[in-house]
Structure formats: structure tokens, C-alpha cells
Full PDB file with SEQRES, HELIX, SHEET, SSBOND, CRYST1, ORIGX, SCALE, CONECT and MASTER records, all heavy atoms in Angstrom:
SEQRES   1 A   35  MET LYS ALA MET MET LEU ASP TYR ARG LYS ARG GLU TYR          
SEQRES   2 A   35  CYS GLU LEU SER ALA HIS GLY PHE ARG VAL LEU ALA ASP          
SEQRES   3 A   35  ALA VAL GLU VAL GLU ARG PRO TYR GLU                          
HELIX    1 AA1 LYS A    2  MET A    5  1                                   4    
HELIX    2 AA2 LYS A   10  GLU A   29  1                                  20    
CRYST1    1.000    1.000    1.000  90.00  90.00  90.00 P 1           1          
ORIGX1      1.000000  0.000000  0.000000        0.00000                         
ORIGX2      0.000000  1.000000  0.000000        0.00000                         
ORIGX3      0.000000  0.000000  1.000000        0.00000                         
SCALE1      1.000000  0.000000  0.000000        0.00000                         
SCALE2      0.000000  1.000000  0.000000        0.00000                         
SCALE3      0.000000  0.000000  1.000000        0.00000                         
ATOM      1  N   MET A   1     115.376 172.230 150.352  1.00  0.00           N  
ATOM      2  CA  MET A   1     115.960 172.358 149.021  1.00  0.00           C  
ATOM      3  C   MET A   1     117.468 172.149 149.070  1.00  0.00           C  
ATOM      4  O   MET A   1     118.047 171.489 148.190  1.00  0.00           O  
ATOM      5  CB  MET A   1     115.635 173.735 148.439  1.00  0.00           C  
ATOM      6  CG  MET A   1     115.937 173.863 146.950  1.00  0.00           C  
ATOM      7  SD  MET A   1     114.870 172.783 145.966  1.00  0.00           S  
ATOM      8  CE  MET A   1     115.936 172.460 144.545  1.00  0.00           C  
ATOM      9  N   LYS A   2     118.108 172.667 150.098  1.00  0.00           N  
ATOM     10  CA  LYS A   2     119.552 172.468 150.248  1.00  0.00           C  
ATOM     11  C   LYS A   2     119.872 170.992 150.401  1.00  0.00           C  
ATOM     12  O   LYS A   2     120.812 170.478 149.763  1.00  0.00           O  
ATOM     13  CB  LYS A   2     120.062 173.249 151.461  1.00  0.00           C  
ATOM     14  CG  LYS A   2     121.560 173.100 151.711  1.00  0.00           C  
ATOM     15  CD  LYS A   2     122.008 173.932 152.904  1.00  0.00           C  
ATOM     16  CE  LYS A   2     123.492 173.790 153.150  1.00  0.00           C  
ATOM     17  NZ  LYS A   2     123.940 174.599 154.326  1.00  0.00           N  
ATOM     18  N   ALA A   3     119.100 170.292 151.216  1.00  0.00           N  
ATOM     19  CA  ALA A   3     119.341 168.863 151.425  1.00  0.00           C  
ATOM     20  C   ALA A   3     119.167 168.081 150.125  1.00  0.00           C  
ATOM     21  O   ALA A   3     119.950 167.167 149.824  1.00  0.00           O  
ATOM     22  CB  ALA A   3     118.388 168.328 152.496  1.00  0.00           C  
ATOM     23  N   MET A   4     118.146 168.426 149.341  1.00  0.00           N  
ATOM     24  CA  MET A   4     117.934 167.723 148.073  1.00  0.00           C  
ATOM     25  C   MET A   4     119.055 168.017 147.095  1.00  0.00           C  
ATOM     26  O   MET A   4     119.515 167.120 146.376  1.00  0.00           O  
ATOM     27  CB  MET A   4     116.567 168.105 147.488  1.00  0.00           C  
ATOM     28  CG  MET A   4     115.393 167.576 148.295  1.00  0.00           C  
ATOM     29  SD  MET A   4     113.759 167.795 147.523  1.00  0.00           S  
ATOM     30  CE  MET A   4     113.581 169.588 147.601  1.00  0.00           C  
ATOM     31  N   MET A   5     119.534 169.253 147.047  1.00  0.00           N  
ATOM     32  CA  MET A   5     120.622 169.602 146.140  1.00  0.00           C  
ATOM     33  C   MET A   5     121.914 168.887 146.528  1.00  0.00           C  
ATOM     34  O   MET A   5     122.657 168.412 145.663  1.00  0.00           O  
ATOM     35  CB  MET A   5     120.847 171.113 146.137  1.00  0.00           C  
ATOM     36  CG  MET A   5     119.740 171.903 145.466  1.00  0.00           C  
ATOM     37  SD  MET A   5     120.077 173.690 145.419  1.00  0.00           S  
ATOM     38  CE  MET A   5     121.427 173.757 144.220  1.00  0.00           C  
ATOM     39  N   LEU A   6     122.185 168.792 147.826  1.00  0.00           N  
ATOM     40  CA  LEU A   6     123.444 168.202 148.283  1.00  0.00           C  
ATOM     41  C   LEU A   6     123.488 166.689 148.102  1.00  0.00           C  
ATOM     42  O   LEU A   6     124.537 166.075 148.315  1.00  0.00           O  
ATOM     43  CB  LEU A   6     123.701 168.571 149.741  1.00  0.00           C  
ATOM     44  CG  LEU A   6     124.075 170.042 149.983  1.00  0.00           C  
ATOM     45  CD1 LEU A   6     124.191 170.333 151.471  1.00  0.00           C  
ATOM     46  CD2 LEU A   6     125.388 170.388 149.266  1.00  0.00           C  
ATOM     47  N   ASP A   7     122.372 166.089 147.711  1.00  0.00           N  
ATOM     48  CA  ASP A   7     122.392 164.665 147.372  1.00  0.00           C  
ATOM     49  C   ASP A   7     123.076 164.409 146.032  1.00  0.00           C  
ATOM     50  O   ASP A   7     123.373 163.267 145.687  1.00  0.00           O  
ATOM     51  CB  ASP A   7     120.963 164.099 147.325  1.00  0.00           C  
ATOM     52  CG  ASP A   7     120.473 163.666 148.693  1.00  0.00           C  
ATOM     53  OD1 ASP A   7     121.293 163.665 149.638  1.00  0.00           O  
ATOM     54  OD2 ASP A   7     119.290 163.341 148.831  1.00  0.00           O  
ATOM     55  N   TYR A   8     123.308 165.487 145.265  1.00  0.00           N  
ATOM     56  CA  TYR A   8     123.989 165.366 143.979  1.00  0.00           C  
ATOM     57  C   TYR A   8     125.425 165.848 144.088  1.00  0.00           C  
ATOM     58  O   TYR A   8     125.751 166.656 144.958  1.00  0.00           O  
ATOM     59  CB  TYR A   8     123.281 166.220 142.914  1.00  0.00           C  
ATOM     60  CG  TYR A   8     121.828 165.897 142.681  1.00  0.00           C  
ATOM     61  CD1 TYR A   8     120.821 166.632 143.311  1.00  0.00           C  
ATOM     62  CD2 TYR A   8     121.451 164.878 141.811  1.00  0.00           C  
ATOM     63  CE1 TYR A   8     119.483 166.350 143.089  1.00  0.00           C  
ATOM     64  CE2 TYR A   8     120.113 164.586 141.582  1.00  0.00           C  
ATOM     65  CZ  TYR A   8     119.136 165.321 142.218  1.00  0.00           C  
ATOM     66  OH  TYR A   8     117.812 165.037 142.003  1.00  0.00           O  
ATOM     67  N   ARG A   9     126.263 165.383 143.194  1.00  0.00           N  
ATOM     68  CA  ARG A   9     127.546 166.032 142.963  1.00  0.00           C  
ATOM     69  C   ARG A   9     127.301 167.212 142.021  1.00  0.00           C  
ATOM     70  O   ARG A   9     126.292 167.250 141.313  1.00  0.00           O  
ATOM     71  CB  ARG A   9     128.541 165.060 142.335  1.00  0.00           C  
ATOM     72  CG  ARG A   9     128.835 163.841 143.210  1.00  0.00           C  
ATOM     73  CD  ARG A   9     129.825 162.905 142.523  1.00  0.00           C  
ATOM     74  NE  ARG A   9     129.328 162.458 141.225  1.00  0.00           N  
ATOM     75  CZ  ARG A   9     128.477 161.456 141.051  1.00  0.00           C  
ATOM     76  NH1 ARG A   9     127.994 160.800 142.102  1.00  0.00           N  
ATOM     77  NH2 ARG A   9     128.078 161.112 139.832  1.00  0.00           N  
ATOM     78  N   LYS A  10     128.208 168.164 142.024  1.00  0.00           N  
ATOM     79  CA  LYS A  10     127.975 169.379 141.240  1.00  0.00           C  
ATOM     80  C   LYS A  10     127.722 169.073 139.767  1.00  0.00           C  
ATOM     81  O   LYS A  10     126.730 169.539 139.191  1.00  0.00           O  
ATOM     82  CB  LYS A  10     129.135 170.354 141.364  1.00  0.00           C  
ATOM     83  CG  LYS A  10     128.894 171.618 140.536  1.00  0.00           C  
ATOM     84  CD  LYS A  10     130.083 172.561 140.507  1.00  0.00           C  
ATOM     85  CE  LYS A  10     129.782 173.752 139.600  1.00  0.00           C  
ATOM     86  NZ  LYS A  10     130.921 174.690 139.502  1.00  0.00           N  
ATOM     87  N   ARG A  11     128.602 168.303 139.134  1.00  0.00           N  
ATOM     88  CA  ARG A  11     128.431 168.034 137.703  1.00  0.00           C  
ATOM     89  C   ARG A  11     127.137 167.282 137.439  1.00  0.00           C  
ATOM     90  O   ARG A  11     126.435 167.562 136.468  1.00  0.00           O  
ATOM     91  CB  ARG A  11     129.636 167.262 137.148  1.00  0.00           C  
ATOM     92  CG  ARG A  11     129.484 166.899 135.666  1.00  0.00           C  
ATOM     93  CD  ARG A  11     130.783 166.474 135.061  1.00  0.00           C  
ATOM     94  NE  ARG A  11     131.691 167.592 134.885  1.00  0.00           N  
ATOM     95  CZ  ARG A  11     131.684 168.420 133.816  1.00  0.00           C  
ATOM     96  NH1 ARG A  11     130.770 168.258 132.868  1.00  0.00           N  
ATOM     97  NH2 ARG A  11     132.556 169.390 133.721  1.00  0.00           N  
ATOM     98  N   GLU A  12     126.820 166.336 138.302  1.00  0.00           N  
ATOM     99  CA  GLU A  12     125.575 165.584 138.149  1.00  0.00           C  
ATOM    100  C   GLU A  12     124.373 166.528 138.203  1.00  0.00           C  
ATOM    101  O   GLU A  12     123.446 166.431 137.384  1.00  0.00           O  
ATOM    102  CB  GLU A  12     125.478 164.526 139.253  1.00  0.00           C  
ATOM    103  CG  GLU A  12     124.227 163.676 139.198  1.00  0.00           C  
ATOM    104  CD  GLU A  12     124.130 162.719 140.385  1.00  0.00           C  
ATOM    105  OE1 GLU A  12     124.701 163.031 141.453  1.00  0.00           O  
ATOM    106  OE2 GLU A  12     123.484 161.671 140.230  1.00  0.00           O  
ATOM    107  N   TYR A  13     124.389 167.439 139.156  1.00  0.00           N  
ATOM    108  CA  TYR A  13     123.298 168.404 139.295  1.00  0.00           C  
ATOM    109  C   TYR A  13     123.197 169.289 138.054  1.00  0.00           C  
ATOM    110  O   TYR A  13     122.098 169.525 137.533  1.00  0.00           O  
ATOM    111  CB  TYR A  13     123.522 169.263 140.539  1.00  0.00           C  
ATOM    112  CG  TYR A  13     122.504 170.349 140.724  1.00  0.00           C  
ATOM    113  CD1 TYR A  13     121.311 170.114 141.404  1.00  0.00           C  
ATOM    114  CD2 TYR A  13     122.718 171.634 140.210  1.00  0.00           C  
ATOM    115  CE1 TYR A  13     120.360 171.124 141.573  1.00  0.00           C  
ATOM    116  CE2 TYR A  13     121.781 172.643 140.377  1.00  0.00           C  
ATOM    117  CZ  TYR A  13     120.608 172.376 141.050  1.00  0.00           C  
ATOM    118  OH  TYR A  13     119.673 173.367 141.207  1.00  0.00           O  
ATOM    119  N   CYS A  14     124.309 169.781 137.578  1.00  0.00           N  
ATOM    120  CA  CYS A  14     124.306 170.682 136.426  1.00  0.00           C  
ATOM    121  C   CYS A  14     123.840 169.961 135.162  1.00  0.00           C  
ATOM    122  O   CYS A  14     123.080 170.513 134.366  1.00  0.00           O  
ATOM    123  CB  CYS A  14     125.697 171.268 136.211  1.00  0.00           C  
ATOM    124  SG  CYS A  14     126.254 172.363 137.537  1.00  0.00           S  
ATOM    125  N   GLU A  15     124.286 168.723 134.979  1.00  0.00           N  
ATOM    126  CA  GLU A  15     123.881 167.959 133.800  1.00  0.00           C  
ATOM    127  C   GLU A  15     122.401 167.607 133.851  1.00  0.00           C  
ATOM    128  O   GLU A  15     121.706 167.655 132.826  1.00  0.00           O  
ATOM    129  CB  GLU A  15     124.735 166.708 133.667  1.00  0.00           C  
ATOM    130  CG  GLU A  15     126.178 167.021 133.286  1.00  0.00           C  
ATOM    131  CD  GLU A  15     127.053 165.773 133.188  1.00  0.00           C  
ATOM    132  OE1 GLU A  15     126.590 164.701 133.629  1.00  0.00           O  
ATOM    133  OE2 GLU A  15     128.188 165.884 132.680  1.00  0.00           O  
ATOM    134  N   LEU A  16     121.902 167.268 135.039  1.00  0.00           N  
ATOM    135  CA  LEU A  16     120.482 166.979 135.177  1.00  0.00           C  
ATOM    136  C   LEU A  16     119.650 168.227 134.900  1.00  0.00           C  
ATOM    137  O   LEU A  16     118.634 168.167 134.182  1.00  0.00           O  
ATOM    138  CB  LEU A  16     120.192 166.455 136.591  1.00  0.00           C  
ATOM    139  CG  LEU A  16     118.718 166.260 136.962  1.00  0.00           C  
ATOM    140  CD1 LEU A  16     118.025 165.296 136.004  1.00  0.00           C  
ATOM    141  CD2 LEU A  16     118.598 165.765 138.411  1.00  0.00           C  
ATOM    142  N   SER A  17     120.049 169.358 135.457  1.00  0.00           N  
ATOM    143  CA  SER A  17     119.319 170.604 135.229  1.00  0.00           C  
ATOM    144  C   SER A  17     119.286 170.944 133.743  1.00  0.00           C  
ATOM    145  O   SER A  17     118.221 171.269 133.184  1.00  0.00           O  
ATOM    146  CB  SER A  17     119.964 171.746 136.009  1.00  0.00           C  
ATOM    147  OG  SER A  17     119.918 171.514 137.399  1.00  0.00           O  
ATOM    148  N   ALA A  18     120.433 170.872 133.092  1.00  0.00           N  
ATOM    149  CA  ALA A  18     120.506 171.213 131.674  1.00  0.00           C  
ATOM    150  C   ALA A  18     119.657 170.264 130.834  1.00  0.00           C  
ATOM    151  O   ALA A  18     118.962 170.694 129.905  1.00  0.00           O  
ATOM    152  CB  ALA A  18     121.958 171.181 131.205  1.00  0.00           C  
ATOM    153  N   HIS A  19     119.708 168.972 131.154  1.00  0.00           N  
ATOM    154  CA  HIS A  19     118.898 168.011 130.412  1.00  0.00           C  
ATOM    155  C   HIS A  19     117.408 168.302 130.586  1.00  0.00           C  
ATOM    156  O   HIS A  19     116.634 168.277 129.620  1.00  0.00           O  
ATOM    157  CB  HIS A  19     119.210 166.586 130.869  1.00  0.00           C  
ATOM    158  CG  HIS A  19     118.421 165.548 130.150  1.00  0.00           C  
ATOM    159  ND1 HIS A  19     118.697 165.180 128.851  1.00  0.00           N  
ATOM    160  CD2 HIS A  19     117.342 164.798 130.522  1.00  0.00           C  
ATOM    161  CE1 HIS A  19     117.830 164.250 128.457  1.00  0.00           C  
ATOM    162  NE2 HIS A  19     117.010 164.009 129.456  1.00  0.00           N  
ATOM    163  N   GLY A  20     116.999 168.584 131.812  1.00  0.00           N  
ATOM    164  CA  GLY A  20     115.594 168.879 132.069  1.00  0.00           C  
ATOM    165  C   GLY A  20     115.102 170.087 131.301  1.00  0.00           C  
ATOM    166  O   GLY A  20     113.989 170.085 130.749  1.00  0.00           O  
ATOM    167  N   PHE A  21     115.918 171.134 131.234  1.00  0.00           N  
ATOM    168  CA  PHE A  21     115.510 172.333 130.488  1.00  0.00           C  
ATOM    169  C   PHE A  21     115.408 172.044 128.990  1.00  0.00           C  
ATOM    170  O   PHE A  21     114.513 172.560 128.312  1.00  0.00           O  
ATOM    171  CB  PHE A  21     116.484 173.479 130.759  1.00  0.00           C  
ATOM    172  CG  PHE A  21     116.363 174.069 132.131  1.00  0.00           C  
ATOM    173  CD1 PHE A  21     117.492 174.265 132.929  1.00  0.00           C  
ATOM    174  CD2 PHE A  21     115.121 174.427 132.644  1.00  0.00           C  
ATOM    175  CE1 PHE A  21     117.380 174.813 134.199  1.00  0.00           C  
ATOM    176  CE2 PHE A  21     115.004 174.975 133.916  1.00  0.00           C  
ATOM    177  CZ  PHE A  21     116.125 175.161 134.695  1.00  0.00           C  
ATOM    178  N   ARG A  22     116.323 171.203 128.477  1.00  0.00           N  
ATOM    179  CA  ARG A  22     116.230 170.831 127.055  1.00  0.00           C  
ATOM    180  C   ARG A  22     114.969 170.023 126.790  1.00  0.00           C  
ATOM    181  O   ARG A  22     114.291 170.221 125.768  1.00  0.00           O  
ATOM    182  CB  ARG A  22     117.464 170.037 126.633  1.00  0.00           C  
ATOM    183  CG  ARG A  22     118.732 170.863 126.499  1.00  0.00           C  
ATOM    184  CD  ARG A  22     119.811 170.097 125.761  1.00  0.00           C  
ATOM    185  NE  ARG A  22     120.164 168.856 126.428  1.00  0.00           N  
ATOM    186  CZ  ARG A  22     121.104 168.733 127.365  1.00  0.00           C  
ATOM    187  NH1 ARG A  22     121.773 169.805 127.758  1.00  0.00           N  
ATOM    188  NH2 ARG A  22     121.369 167.565 127.908  1.00  0.00           N  
ATOM    189  N   VAL A  23     114.645 169.109 127.697  1.00  0.00           N  
ATOM    190  CA  VAL A  23     113.430 168.307 127.557  1.00  0.00           C  
ATOM    191  C   VAL A  23     112.195 169.213 127.549  1.00  0.00           C  
ATOM    192  O   VAL A  23     111.255 169.005 126.766  1.00  0.00           O  
ATOM    193  CB  VAL A  23     113.346 167.262 128.695  1.00  0.00           C  
ATOM    194  CG1 VAL A  23     111.946 166.682 128.824  1.00  0.00           C  
ATOM    195  CG2 VAL A  23     114.364 166.145 128.453  1.00  0.00           C  
ATOM    196  N   LEU A  24     112.192 170.211 128.412  1.00  0.00           N  
ATOM    197  CA  LEU A  24     111.083 171.158 128.444  1.00  0.00           C  
ATOM    198  C   LEU A  24     110.969 171.898 127.114  1.00  0.00           C  
ATOM    199  O   LEU A  24     109.870 172.018 126.552  1.00  0.00           O  
ATOM    200  CB  LEU A  24     111.279 172.151 129.589  1.00  0.00           C  
ATOM    201  CG  LEU A  24     110.325 173.344 129.628  1.00  0.00           C  
ATOM    202  CD1 LEU A  24     108.875 172.894 129.696  1.00  0.00           C  
ATOM    203  CD2 LEU A  24     110.668 174.250 130.813  1.00  0.00           C  
ATOM    204  N   ALA A  25     112.087 172.384 126.597  1.00  0.00           N  
ATOM    205  CA  ALA A  25     112.060 173.097 125.316  1.00  0.00           C  
ATOM    206  C   ALA A  25     111.544 172.188 124.203  1.00  0.00           C  
ATOM    207  O   ALA A  25     110.736 172.612 123.363  1.00  0.00           O  
ATOM    208  CB  ALA A  25     113.459 173.621 124.982  1.00  0.00           C  
ATOM    209  N   ASP A  26     111.995 170.938 124.193  1.00  0.00           N  
ATOM    210  CA  ASP A  26     111.523 169.993 123.177  1.00  0.00           C  
ATOM    211  C   ASP A  26     110.015 169.782 123.277  1.00  0.00           C  
ATOM    212  O   ASP A  26     109.316 169.728 122.260  1.00  0.00           O  
ATOM    213  CB  ASP A  26     112.227 168.640 123.343  1.00  0.00           C  
ATOM    214  CG  ASP A  26     113.691 168.673 122.945  1.00  0.00           C  
ATOM    215  OD1 ASP A  26     114.099 169.624 122.253  1.00  0.00           O  
ATOM    216  OD2 ASP A  26     114.424 167.743 123.345  1.00  0.00           O  
ATOM    217  N   ALA A  27     109.514 169.655 124.494  1.00  0.00           N  
ATOM    218  CA  ALA A  27     108.083 169.406 124.695  1.00  0.00           C  
ATOM    219  C   ALA A  27     107.253 170.584 124.219  1.00  0.00           C  
ATOM    220  O   ALA A  27     106.158 170.412 123.661  1.00  0.00           O  
ATOM    221  CB  ALA A  27     107.805 169.114 126.167  1.00  0.00           C  
ATOM    222  N   VAL A  28     107.742 171.804 124.442  1.00  0.00           N  
ATOM    223  CA  VAL A  28     107.024 172.991 123.985  1.00  0.00           C  
ATOM    224  C   VAL A  28     107.035 173.059 122.459  1.00  0.00           C  
ATOM    225  O   VAL A  28     106.017 173.338 121.816  1.00  0.00           O  
ATOM    226  CB  VAL A  28     107.652 174.264 124.583  1.00  0.00           C  
ATOM    227  CG1 VAL A  28     107.067 175.516 123.926  1.00  0.00           C  
ATOM    228  CG2 VAL A  28     107.430 174.302 126.094  1.00  0.00           C  
ATOM    229  N   GLU A  29     108.188 172.767 121.849  1.00  0.00           N  
ATOM    230  CA  GLU A  29     108.358 172.991 120.421  1.00  0.00           C  
ATOM    231  C   GLU A  29     107.630 171.970 119.541  1.00  0.00           C  
ATOM    232  O   GLU A  29     107.488 172.204 118.344  1.00  0.00           O  
ATOM    233  CB  GLU A  29     109.844 173.043 120.073  1.00  0.00           C  
ATOM    234  CG  GLU A  29     110.507 174.323 120.593  1.00  0.00           C  
ATOM    235  CD  GLU A  29     111.942 174.484 120.139  1.00  0.00           C  
ATOM    236  OE1 GLU A  29     112.607 173.451 119.914  1.00  0.00           O  
ATOM    237  OE2 GLU A  29     112.382 175.637 120.000  1.00  0.00           O  
ATOM    238  N   VAL A  30     107.151 170.862 120.103  1.00  0.00           N  
ATOM    239  CA  VAL A  30     106.374 169.928 119.281  1.00  0.00           C  
ATOM    240  C   VAL A  30     104.988 170.495 118.982  1.00  0.00           C  
ATOM    241  O   VAL A  30     104.271 169.993 118.120  1.00  0.00           O  
ATOM    242  CB  VAL A  30     106.236 168.538 119.942  1.00  0.00           C  
ATOM    243  CG1 VAL A  30     107.576 167.866 120.075  1.00  0.00           C  
ATOM    244  CG2 VAL A  30     105.528 168.622 121.287  1.00  0.00           C  
ATOM    245  N   GLU A  31     104.606 171.556 119.719  1.00  0.00           N  
ATOM    246  CA  GLU A  31     103.365 172.288 119.456  1.00  0.00           C  
ATOM    247  C   GLU A  31     102.129 171.390 119.515  1.00  0.00           C  
ATOM    248  O   GLU A  31     101.247 171.460 118.659  1.00  0.00           O  
ATOM    249  CB  GLU A  31     103.446 173.020 118.115  1.00  0.00           C  
ATOM    250  CG  GLU A  31     104.564 174.041 118.066  1.00  0.00           C  
ATOM    251  CD  GLU A  31     104.443 175.008 116.906  1.00  0.00           C  
ATOM    252  OE1 GLU A  31     103.320 175.453 116.636  1.00  0.00           O  
ATOM    253  OE2 GLU A  31     105.469 175.308 116.281  1.00  0.00           O  
ATOM    254  N   ARG A  32     102.055 170.564 120.554  1.00  0.00           N  
ATOM    255  CA  ARG A  32     100.843 169.793 120.789  1.00  0.00           C  
ATOM    256  C   ARG A  32      99.784 170.706 121.412  1.00  0.00           C  
ATOM    257  O   ARG A  32     100.101 171.772 121.945  1.00  0.00           O  
ATOM    258  CB  ARG A  32     101.147 168.612 121.711  1.00  0.00           C  
ATOM    259  CG  ARG A  32     102.023 167.547 121.072  1.00  0.00           C  
ATOM    260  CD  ARG A  32     102.302 166.424 122.034  1.00  0.00           C  
ATOM    261  NE  ARG A  32     103.176 165.427 121.446  1.00  0.00           N  
ATOM    262  CZ  ARG A  32     103.789 164.460 122.131  1.00  0.00           C  
ATOM    263  NH1 ARG A  32     103.593 164.372 123.442  1.00  0.00           N  
ATOM    264  NH2 ARG A  32     104.567 163.590 121.516  1.00  0.00           N  
ATOM    265  N   PRO A  33      98.516 170.272 121.382  1.00  0.00           N  
ATOM    266  CA  PRO A  33      97.459 171.142 121.927  1.00  0.00           C  
ATOM    267  C   PRO A  33      97.603 171.409 123.428  1.00  0.00           C  
ATOM    268  O   PRO A  33      97.336 172.527 123.886  1.00  0.00           O  
ATOM    269  CB  PRO A  33      96.176 170.353 121.628  1.00  0.00           C  
ATOM    270  CG  PRO A  33      96.525 169.447 120.513  1.00  0.00           C  
ATOM    271  CD  PRO A  33      97.958 169.088 120.716  1.00  0.00           C  
ATOM    272  N   TYR A  34      97.989 170.382 124.204  1.00  0.00           N  
ATOM    273  CA  TYR A  34      98.123 170.504 125.663  1.00  0.00           C  
ATOM    274  C   TYR A  34      96.882 171.137 126.296  1.00  0.00           C  
ATOM    275  O   TYR A  34      96.979 172.048 127.131  1.00  0.00           O  
ATOM    276  CB  TYR A  34      99.376 171.290 126.042  1.00  0.00           C  
ATOM    277  CG  TYR A  34     100.668 170.621 125.644  1.00  0.00           C  
ATOM    278  CD1 TYR A  34     101.575 171.255 124.800  1.00  0.00           C  
ATOM    279  CD2 TYR A  34     100.988 169.343 126.099  1.00  0.00           C  
ATOM    280  CE1 TYR A  34     102.775 170.642 124.430  1.00  0.00           C  
ATOM    281  CE2 TYR A  34     102.179 168.713 125.726  1.00  0.00           C  
ATOM    282  CZ  TYR A  34     103.068 169.370 124.889  1.00  0.00           C  
ATOM    283  OH  TYR A  34     104.242 168.761 124.518  1.00  0.00           O  
ATOM    284  N   GLU A  35      95.717 170.643 125.891  1.00  0.00           N  
ATOM    285  CA  GLU A  35      94.472 171.116 126.473  1.00  0.00           C  
ATOM    286  C   GLU A  35      94.229 170.429 127.816  1.00  0.00           C  
ATOM    287  O   GLU A  35      94.426 169.213 127.933  1.00  0.00           O  
ATOM    288  CB  GLU A  35      93.298 170.837 125.538  1.00  0.00           C  
ATOM    289  CG  GLU A  35      93.362 171.599 124.215  1.00  0.00           C  
ATOM    290  CD  GLU A  35      93.210 173.098 124.384  1.00  0.00           C  
ATOM    291  OE1 GLU A  35      92.736 173.538 125.452  1.00  0.00           O  
ATOM    292  OE2 GLU A  35      93.564 173.833 123.439  1.00  0.00           O  
TER     293      GLU A  35                                                      
MASTER        0    0    0    2    0    0    0    6  292    1    0    3          
END                                                                             
């Protein structure tokens, strides 16, 4: 995990993490069945 994290620069890592969490929230809020 450390090796994978260090492949990013700090800002790049933080922006990717934040974007991913927003994408997750968007996917939940569309309220699809997800069966």
C-alpha cells in the first residue's frame, strides 16, 4: 500500500481520493436497484 501511494504526488493523491468519494456518493444517490 505504501508503494502504491508513493506513486502519486500528494495533491494528485488527495484529488483522486476526493473525486472517487464524490463518484461513490453520486452512484448511491441515483437510487438504482443494484440487485
